[in-house]
All heavy atoms as atom14 arrays in JSON, in Angstrom:
{
  "sequence": "APEWDAGCPSCSAFLDQIGHLAHLYARGTSFAAVSR",
  "atom14_mask": [
    [1, 1, 1, 1, 1, 0, 0, 0, 0, 0, 0, 0, 0, 0],
    [1, 1, 1, 1, 1, 1, 1, 0, 0, 0, 0, 0, 0, 0],
    [1, 1, 1, 1, 1, 1, 1, 1, 1, 0, 0, 0, 0, 0],
    [1, 1, 1, 1, 1, 1, 1, 1, 1, 1, 1, 1, 1, 1],
    [1, 1, 1, 1, 1, 1, 1, 1, 0, 0, 0, 0, 0, 0],
    [1, 1, 1, 1, 1, 0, 0, 0, 0, 0, 0, 0, 0, 0],
    [1, 1, 1, 1, 0, 0, 0, 0, 0, 0, 0, 0, 0, 0],
    [1, 1, 1, 1, 1, 1, 0, 0, 0, 0, 0, 0, 0, 0],
    [1, 1, 1, 1, 1, 1, 1, 0, 0, 0, 0, 0, 0, 0],
    [1, 1, 1, 1, 1, 1, 0, 0, 0, 0, 0, 0, 0, 0],
    [1, 1, 1, 1, 1, 1, 0, 0, 0, 0, 0, 0, 0, 0],
    [1, 1, 1, 1, 1, 1, 0, 0, 0, 0, 0, 0, 0, 0],
    [1, 1, 1, 1, 1, 0, 0, 0, 0, 0, 0, 0, 0, 0],
    [1, 1, 1, 1, 1, 1, 1, 1, 1, 1, 1, 0, 0, 0],
    [1, 1, 1, 1, 1, 1, 1, 1, 0, 0, 0, 0, 0, 0],
    [1, 1, 1, 1, 1, 1, 1, 1, 0, 0, 0, 0, 0, 0],
    [1, 1, 1, 1, 1, 1, 1, 1, 1, 0, 0, 0, 0, 0],
    [1, 1, 1, 1, 1, 1, 1, 1, 0, 0, 0, 0, 0, 0],
    [1, 1, 1, 1, 0, 0, 0, 0, 0, 0, 0, 0, 0, 0],
    [1, 1, 1, 1, 1, 1, 1, 1, 1, 1, 0, 0, 0, 0],
    [1, 1, 1, 1, 1, 1, 1, 1, 0, 0, 0, 0, 0, 0],
    [1, 1, 1, 1, 1, 0, 0, 0, 0, 0, 0, 0, 0, 0],
    [1, 1, 1, 1, 1, 1, 1, 1, 1, 1, 0, 0, 0, 0],
    [1, 1, 1, 1, 1, 1, 1, 1, 0, 0, 0, 0, 0, 0],
    [1, 1, 1, 1, 1, 1, 1, 1, 1, 1, 1, 1, 0, 0],
    [1, 1, 1, 1, 1, 0, 0, 0, 0, 0, 0, 0, 0, 0],
    [1, 1, 1, 1, 1, 1, 1, 1, 1, 1, 1, 0, 0, 0],
    [1, 1, 1, 1, 0, 0, 0, 0, 0, 0, 0, 0, 0, 0],
    [1, 1, 1, 1, 1, 1, 1, 0, 0, 0, 0, 0, 0, 0],
    [1, 1, 1, 1, 1, 1, 0, 0, 0, 0, 0, 0, 0, 0],
    [1, 1, 1, 1, 1, 1, 1, 1, 1, 1, 1, 0, 0, 0],
    [1, 1, 1, 1, 1, 0, 0, 0, 0, 0, 0, 0, 0, 0],
    [1, 1, 1, 1, 1, 0, 0, 0, 0, 0, 0, 0, 0, 0],
    [1, 1, 1, 1, 1, 1, 1, 0, 0, 0, 0, 0, 0, 0],
    [1, 1, 1, 1, 1, 1, 0, 0, 0, 0, 0, 0, 0, 0],
    [1, 1, 1, 1, 1, 1, 1, 1, 1, 1, 1, 0, 0, 0]
  ],
  "atom14_positions": [
    [[-6.42, 21.0, 29.24], [-7.81, 20.49, 29.12], [-8.78, 21.66, 29.47], [-8.41, 22.55, 30.18], [-8.03, 19.31, 30.0], [0.0, 0.0, 0.0], [0.0, 0.0, 0.0], [0.0, 0.0, 0.0], [0.0, 0.0, 0.0], [0.0, 0.0, 0.0], [0.0, 0.0, 0.0], [0.0, 0.0, 0.0], [0.0, 0.0, 0.0], [0.0, 0.0, 0.0]],
    [[-9.98, 21.55, 28.97], [-10.91, 22.68, 29.11], [-11.2, 22.91, 30.68], [-11.55, 24.03, 31.03], [-12.21, 22.22, 28.46], [-11.72, 21.26, 27.38], [-10.45, 20.58, 27.94], [0.0, 0.0, 0.0], [0.0, 0.0, 0.0], [0.0, 0.0, 0.0], [0.0, 0.0, 0.0], [0.0, 0.0, 0.0], [0.0, 0.0, 0.0], [0.0, 0.0, 0.0]],
    [[-11.14, 21.89, 31.36], [-11.46, 22.03, 32.84], [-10.33, 22.47, 33.74], [-10.45, 22.81, 34.92], [-12.08, 20.77, 33.46], [-11.14, 19.57, 33.46], [-11.11, 18.76, 32.2], [-11.56, 19.21, 31.11], [-10.51, 17.62, 32.22], [0.0, 0.0, 0.0], [0.0, 0.0, 0.0], [0.0, 0.0, 0.0], [0.0, 0.0, 0.0], [0.0, 0.0, 0.0]],
    [[-9.14, 22.59, 33.14], [-7.96, 22.99, 33.91], [-7.91, 24.53, 34.01], [-8.39, 25.2, 33.2], [-6.67, 22.54, 33.27], [-6.53, 21.04, 33.14], [-7.39, 20.06, 33.59], [-5.41, 20.34, 32.44], [-6.92, 18.82, 33.36], [-5.75, 18.95, 32.68], [-4.28, 20.7, 31.84], [-4.87, 17.93, 32.14], [-3.41, 19.76, 31.3], [-3.75, 18.36, 31.5]],
    [[-7.23, 24.97, 35.07], [-7.12, 26.43, 35.29], [-5.82, 26.94, 34.71], [-5.65, 28.14, 34.5], [-7.19, 26.75, 36.78], [-8.54, 26.49, 37.36], [-9.57, 26.7, 36.63], [-8.65, 26.04, 38.52], [0.0, 0.0, 0.0], [0.0, 0.0, 0.0], [0.0, 0.0, 0.0], [0.0, 0.0, 0.0], [0.0, 0.0, 0.0], [0.0, 0.0, 0.0]],
    [[-4.85, 26.06, 34.44], [-3.59, 26.43, 33.84], [-3.01, 25.34, 32.9], [-3.5, 24.16, 33.03], [-2.59, 26.77, 35.02], [0.0, 0.0, 0.0], [0.0, 0.0, 0.0], [0.0, 0.0, 0.0], [0.0, 0.0, 0.0], [0.0, 0.0, 0.0], [0.0, 0.0, 0.0], [0.0, 0.0, 0.0], [0.0, 0.0, 0.0], [0.0, 0.0, 0.0]],
    [[-2.11, 25.73, 32.14], [-1.47, 24.69, 31.22], [-0.52, 23.8, 31.96], [-0.08, 24.02, 33.11], [0.0, 0.0, 0.0], [0.0, 0.0, 0.0], [0.0, 0.0, 0.0], [0.0, 0.0, 0.0], [0.0, 0.0, 0.0], [0.0, 0.0, 0.0], [0.0, 0.0, 0.0], [0.0, 0.0, 0.0], [0.0, 0.0, 0.0], [0.0, 0.0, 0.0]],
    [[-0.14, 22.71, 31.26], [0.75, 21.68, 31.83], [2.1, 22.33, 32.13], [2.65, 22.97, 31.2], [0.79, 20.52, 30.81], [2.21, 19.4, 31.14], [0.0, 0.0, 0.0], [0.0, 0.0, 0.0], [0.0, 0.0, 0.0], [0.0, 0.0, 0.0], [0.0, 0.0, 0.0], [0.0, 0.0, 0.0], [0.0, 0.0, 0.0], [0.0, 0.0, 0.0]],
    [[2.72, 22.02, 33.31], [4.05, 22.58, 33.58], [5.12, 22.06, 32.63], [5.96, 22.77, 32.23], [4.33, 22.13, 34.99], [2.91, 21.98, 35.62], [2.03, 21.43, 34.47], [0.0, 0.0, 0.0], [0.0, 0.0, 0.0], [0.0, 0.0, 0.0], [0.0, 0.0, 0.0], [0.0, 0.0, 0.0], [0.0, 0.0, 0.0], [0.0, 0.0, 0.0]],
    [[5.06, 20.72, 32.26], [6.04, 20.16, 31.37], [5.91, 20.78, 29.96], [6.98, 21.03, 29.32], [5.91, 18.66, 31.3], [6.2, 18.04, 32.57], [0.0, 0.0, 0.0], [0.0, 0.0, 0.0], [0.0, 0.0, 0.0], [0.0, 0.0, 0.0], [0.0, 0.0, 0.0], [0.0, 0.0, 0.0], [0.0, 0.0, 0.0], [0.0, 0.0, 0.0]],
    [[4.72, 20.95, 29.53], [4.51, 21.6, 28.21], [4.95, 23.01, 28.24], [5.51, 23.55, 27.2], [3.02, 21.53, 27.79], [2.39, 19.86, 27.37], [0.0, 0.0, 0.0], [0.0, 0.0, 0.0], [0.0, 0.0, 0.0], [0.0, 0.0, 0.0], [0.0, 0.0, 0.0], [0.0, 0.0, 0.0], [0.0, 0.0, 0.0], [0.0, 0.0, 0.0]],
    [[4.81, 23.7, 29.41], [5.22, 25.05, 29.51], [6.72, 25.15, 29.44], [7.32, 26.04, 28.81], [4.74, 25.65, 30.83], [3.31, 25.69, 30.83], [0.0, 0.0, 0.0], [0.0, 0.0, 0.0], [0.0, 0.0, 0.0], [0.0, 0.0, 0.0], [0.0, 0.0, 0.0], [0.0, 0.0, 0.0], [0.0, 0.0, 0.0], [0.0, 0.0, 0.0]],
    [[7.42, 24.16, 30.04], [8.85, 24.19, 29.95], [9.38, 23.89, 28.54], [10.35, 24.44, 28.06], [9.41, 23.07, 30.89], [0.0, 0.0, 0.0], [0.0, 0.0, 0.0], [0.0, 0.0, 0.0], [0.0, 0.0, 0.0], [0.0, 0.0, 0.0], [0.0, 0.0, 0.0], [0.0, 0.0, 0.0], [0.0, 0.0, 0.0], [0.0, 0.0, 0.0]],
    [[8.61, 23.11, 27.77], [8.89, 22.83, 26.4], [8.88, 24.13, 25.6], [9.79, 24.48, 24.83], [8.0, 21.82, 25.77], [8.33, 21.41, 24.39], [9.24, 20.47, 24.02], [7.72, 22.16, 23.29], [9.59, 20.15, 22.71], [8.1, 21.84, 21.97], [8.98, 20.81, 21.7], [0.0, 0.0, 0.0], [0.0, 0.0, 0.0], [0.0, 0.0, 0.0]],
    [[7.75, 24.92, 25.77], [7.62, 26.2, 25.01], [8.59, 27.23, 25.4], [9.08, 28.02, 24.61], [6.22, 26.73, 25.15], [5.08, 26.06, 24.37], [3.79, 26.94, 24.28], [5.5, 25.67, 22.95], [0.0, 0.0, 0.0], [0.0, 0.0, 0.0], [0.0, 0.0, 0.0], [0.0, 0.0, 0.0], [0.0, 0.0, 0.0], [0.0, 0.0, 0.0]],
    [[9.03, 27.18, 26.72], [10.05, 28.07, 27.1], [11.38, 27.95, 26.43], [12.08, 28.94, 26.24], [10.39, 27.88, 28.66], [9.36, 28.55, 29.55], [8.69, 29.5, 29.09], [9.23, 28.17, 30.74], [0.0, 0.0, 0.0], [0.0, 0.0, 0.0], [0.0, 0.0, 0.0], [0.0, 0.0, 0.0], [0.0, 0.0, 0.0], [0.0, 0.0, 0.0]],
    [[11.62, 26.75, 25.83], [12.91, 26.57, 25.17], [12.85, 26.73, 23.66], [13.84, 26.65, 22.88], [13.42, 25.15, 25.44], [12.58, 24.06, 24.86], [13.1, 22.69, 25.39], [13.98, 22.53, 26.23], [12.44, 21.66, 24.88], [0.0, 0.0, 0.0], [0.0, 0.0, 0.0], [0.0, 0.0, 0.0], [0.0, 0.0, 0.0], [0.0, 0.0, 0.0]],
    [[11.71, 27.14, 23.09], [11.52, 27.34, 21.69], [12.24, 28.6, 21.31], [12.05, 29.65, 21.95], [10.03, 27.43, 21.28], [9.36, 26.13, 21.5], [9.94, 27.84, 19.78], [9.83, 24.98, 20.62], [0.0, 0.0, 0.0], [0.0, 0.0, 0.0], [0.0, 0.0, 0.0], [0.0, 0.0, 0.0], [0.0, 0.0, 0.0], [0.0, 0.0, 0.0]],
    [[13.12, 28.59, 20.27], [13.92, 29.69, 19.89], [13.04, 30.72, 19.18], [11.8, 30.63, 19.02], [0.0, 0.0, 0.0], [0.0, 0.0, 0.0], [0.0, 0.0, 0.0], [0.0, 0.0, 0.0], [0.0, 0.0, 0.0], [0.0, 0.0, 0.0], [0.0, 0.0, 0.0], [0.0, 0.0, 0.0], [0.0, 0.0, 0.0], [0.0, 0.0, 0.0]],
    [[13.69, 31.78, 18.63], [12.99, 32.83, 18.0], [12.42, 32.27, 16.67], [13.14, 31.64, 15.9], [13.99, 34.01, 17.69], [13.26, 35.31, 17.44], [12.48, 35.57, 16.32], [13.2, 36.4, 18.18], [11.96, 36.77, 16.38], [12.4, 37.33, 17.46], [0.0, 0.0, 0.0], [0.0, 0.0, 0.0], [0.0, 0.0, 0.0], [0.0, 0.0, 0.0]],
    [[11.06, 32.52, 16.49], [10.4, 31.86, 15.3], [10.89, 32.49, 13.98], [10.51, 31.83, 12.95], [8.85, 32.06, 15.45], [8.26, 31.29, 16.66], [6.76, 31.45, 16.65], [8.6, 29.8, 16.6], [0.0, 0.0, 0.0], [0.0, 0.0, 0.0], [0.0, 0.0, 0.0], [0.0, 0.0, 0.0], [0.0, 0.0, 0.0], [0.0, 0.0, 0.0]],
    [[11.54, 33.64, 13.95], [11.97, 34.2, 12.7], [12.88, 33.2, 11.88], [12.84, 33.19, 10.65], [12.81, 35.48, 12.98], [0.0, 0.0, 0.0], [0.0, 0.0, 0.0], [0.0, 0.0, 0.0], [0.0, 0.0, 0.0], [0.0, 0.0, 0.0], [0.0, 0.0, 0.0], [0.0, 0.0, 0.0], [0.0, 0.0, 0.0], [0.0, 0.0, 0.0]],
    [[13.63, 32.37, 12.63], [14.55, 31.44, 11.91], [13.71, 30.27, 11.28], [14.16, 29.8, 10.24], [15.57, 30.89, 12.88], [16.44, 31.93, 13.47], [17.25, 32.72, 12.71], [16.57, 32.38, 14.78], [17.94, 33.64, 13.52], [17.46, 33.41, 14.75], [0.0, 0.0, 0.0], [0.0, 0.0, 0.0], [0.0, 0.0, 0.0], [0.0, 0.0, 0.0]],
    [[12.6, 29.88, 11.83], [11.68, 28.95, 11.22], [10.95, 29.61, 10.04], [10.9, 29.01, 8.98], [10.71, 28.38, 12.23], [11.19, 27.32, 13.16], [10.01, 27.01, 14.19], [11.54, 26.03, 12.4], [0.0, 0.0, 0.0], [0.0, 0.0, 0.0], [0.0, 0.0, 0.0], [0.0, 0.0, 0.0], [0.0, 0.0, 0.0], [0.0, 0.0, 0.0]],
    [[10.48, 30.86, 10.32], [9.77, 31.56, 9.26], [10.65, 31.68, 7.94], [10.16, 31.56, 6.85], [9.32, 32.93, 9.72], [8.36, 32.92, 10.82], [8.07, 34.09, 11.55], [7.63, 31.72, 11.14], [7.17, 34.06, 12.57], [6.71, 31.78, 12.19], [6.46, 32.91, 12.91], [5.53, 32.96, 13.85], [0.0, 0.0, 0.0], [0.0, 0.0, 0.0]],
    [[11.95, 31.95, 8.19], [12.85, 32.14, 7.05], [13.02, 30.87, 6.2], [13.4, 30.96, 5.07], [14.28, 32.61, 7.5], [0.0, 0.0, 0.0], [0.0, 0.0, 0.0], [0.0, 0.0, 0.0], [0.0, 0.0, 0.0], [0.0, 0.0, 0.0], [0.0, 0.0, 0.0], [0.0, 0.0, 0.0], [0.0, 0.0, 0.0], [0.0, 0.0, 0.0]],
    [[12.61, 29.75, 6.75], [12.69, 28.48, 6.03], [11.27, 28.02, 5.61], [11.04, 26.86, 5.4], [13.35, 27.43, 6.84], [14.89, 27.77, 7.02], [15.51, 27.01, 8.14], [16.82, 27.49, 8.44], [17.01, 28.54, 9.22], [16.13, 29.21, 9.74], [18.3, 28.91, 9.4], [0.0, 0.0, 0.0], [0.0, 0.0, 0.0], [0.0, 0.0, 0.0]],
    [[10.35, 29.01, 5.56], [9.01, 28.67, 5.11], [8.16, 27.79, 6.07], [7.34, 27.07, 5.61], [0.0, 0.0, 0.0], [0.0, 0.0, 0.0], [0.0, 0.0, 0.0], [0.0, 0.0, 0.0], [0.0, 0.0, 0.0], [0.0, 0.0, 0.0], [0.0, 0.0, 0.0], [0.0, 0.0, 0.0], [0.0, 0.0, 0.0], [0.0, 0.0, 0.0]],
    [[8.53, 27.88, 7.35], [7.87, 26.97, 8.28], [7.23, 27.76, 9.47], [7.96, 28.6, 10.12], [8.91, 25.88, 8.9], [9.51, 25.21, 7.84], [8.21, 25.01, 9.89], [0.0, 0.0, 0.0], [0.0, 0.0, 0.0], [0.0, 0.0, 0.0], [0.0, 0.0, 0.0], [0.0, 0.0, 0.0], [0.0, 0.0, 0.0], [0.0, 0.0, 0.0]],
    [[6.0, 27.57, 9.76], [5.3, 28.18, 10.85], [5.29, 27.3, 12.01], [5.31, 26.09, 11.93], [3.9, 28.62, 10.39], [3.94, 29.63, 9.48], [0.0, 0.0, 0.0], [0.0, 0.0, 0.0], [0.0, 0.0, 0.0], [0.0, 0.0, 0.0], [0.0, 0.0, 0.0], [0.0, 0.0, 0.0], [0.0, 0.0, 0.0], [0.0, 0.0, 0.0]],
    [[4.98, 27.86, 13.19], [4.93, 27.09, 14.43], [3.72, 27.57, 15.18], [3.48, 28.79, 15.27], [6.18, 27.24, 15.29], [6.19, 26.53, 16.57], [6.7, 25.2, 16.68], [5.63, 27.08, 17.69], [6.71, 24.53, 17.82], [5.65, 26.37, 18.94], [6.11, 25.1, 18.97], [0.0, 0.0, 0.0], [0.0, 0.0, 0.0], [0.0, 0.0, 0.0]],
    [[2.98, 26.71, 15.8], [1.81, 27.11, 16.71], [1.57, 26.06, 17.74], [1.86, 24.88, 17.49], [0.59, 27.24, 15.82], [0.0, 0.0, 0.0], [0.0, 0.0, 0.0], [0.0, 0.0, 0.0], [0.0, 0.0, 0.0], [0.0, 0.0, 0.0], [0.0, 0.0, 0.0], [0.0, 0.0, 0.0], [0.0, 0.0, 0.0], [0.0, 0.0, 0.0]],
    [[1.14, 26.47, 18.82], [0.66, 25.56, 19.91], [-0.86, 25.41, 19.82], [-1.56, 26.38, 19.43], [1.03, 26.09, 21.31], [0.0, 0.0, 0.0], [0.0, 0.0, 0.0], [0.0, 0.0, 0.0], [0.0, 0.0, 0.0], [0.0, 0.0, 0.0], [0.0, 0.0, 0.0], [0.0, 0.0, 0.0], [0.0, 0.0, 0.0], [0.0, 0.0, 0.0]],
    [[-1.4, 24.27, 20.1], [-2.81, 24.02, 20.02], [-3.21, 23.21, 21.25], [-2.55, 22.31, 21.7], [-3.18, 23.25, 18.81], [-4.72, 22.86, 18.83], [-2.95, 24.03, 17.53], [0.0, 0.0, 0.0], [0.0, 0.0, 0.0], [0.0, 0.0, 0.0], [0.0, 0.0, 0.0], [0.0, 0.0, 0.0], [0.0, 0.0, 0.0], [0.0, 0.0, 0.0]],
    [[-4.33, 23.69, 21.96], [-4.8, 23.01, 23.12], [-6.28, 22.9, 23.1], [-6.97, 23.69, 22.44], [-4.43, 23.86, 24.43], [-3.0, 24.06, 24.56], [0.0, 0.0, 0.0], [0.0, 0.0, 0.0], [0.0, 0.0, 0.0], [0.0, 0.0, 0.0], [0.0, 0.0, 0.0], [0.0, 0.0, 0.0], [0.0, 0.0, 0.0], [0.0, 0.0, 0.0]],
    [[-6.89, 21.99, 23.88], [-8.32, 21.93, 23.94], [-8.98, 22.96, 24.77], [-10.19, 23.19, 24.66], [-8.73, 20.51, 24.48], [-8.65, 19.41, 23.47], [-9.47, 18.21, 23.9], [-9.15, 17.73, 25.28], [-10.09, 17.51, 26.17], [-11.36, 17.78, 25.94], [-9.71, 17.08, 27.33], [0.0, 0.0, 0.0], [0.0, 0.0, 0.0], [0.0, 0.0, 0.0]]
  ]
}
């Protein structure tokens, strides 16, 4: 949220486990995180 000083710990743990994006890119798929 805009008033927070840091991102959510659980969301951070989720992004930590995302693999190398090259394998998604090779299948014509992009990945992005979006926050307020």
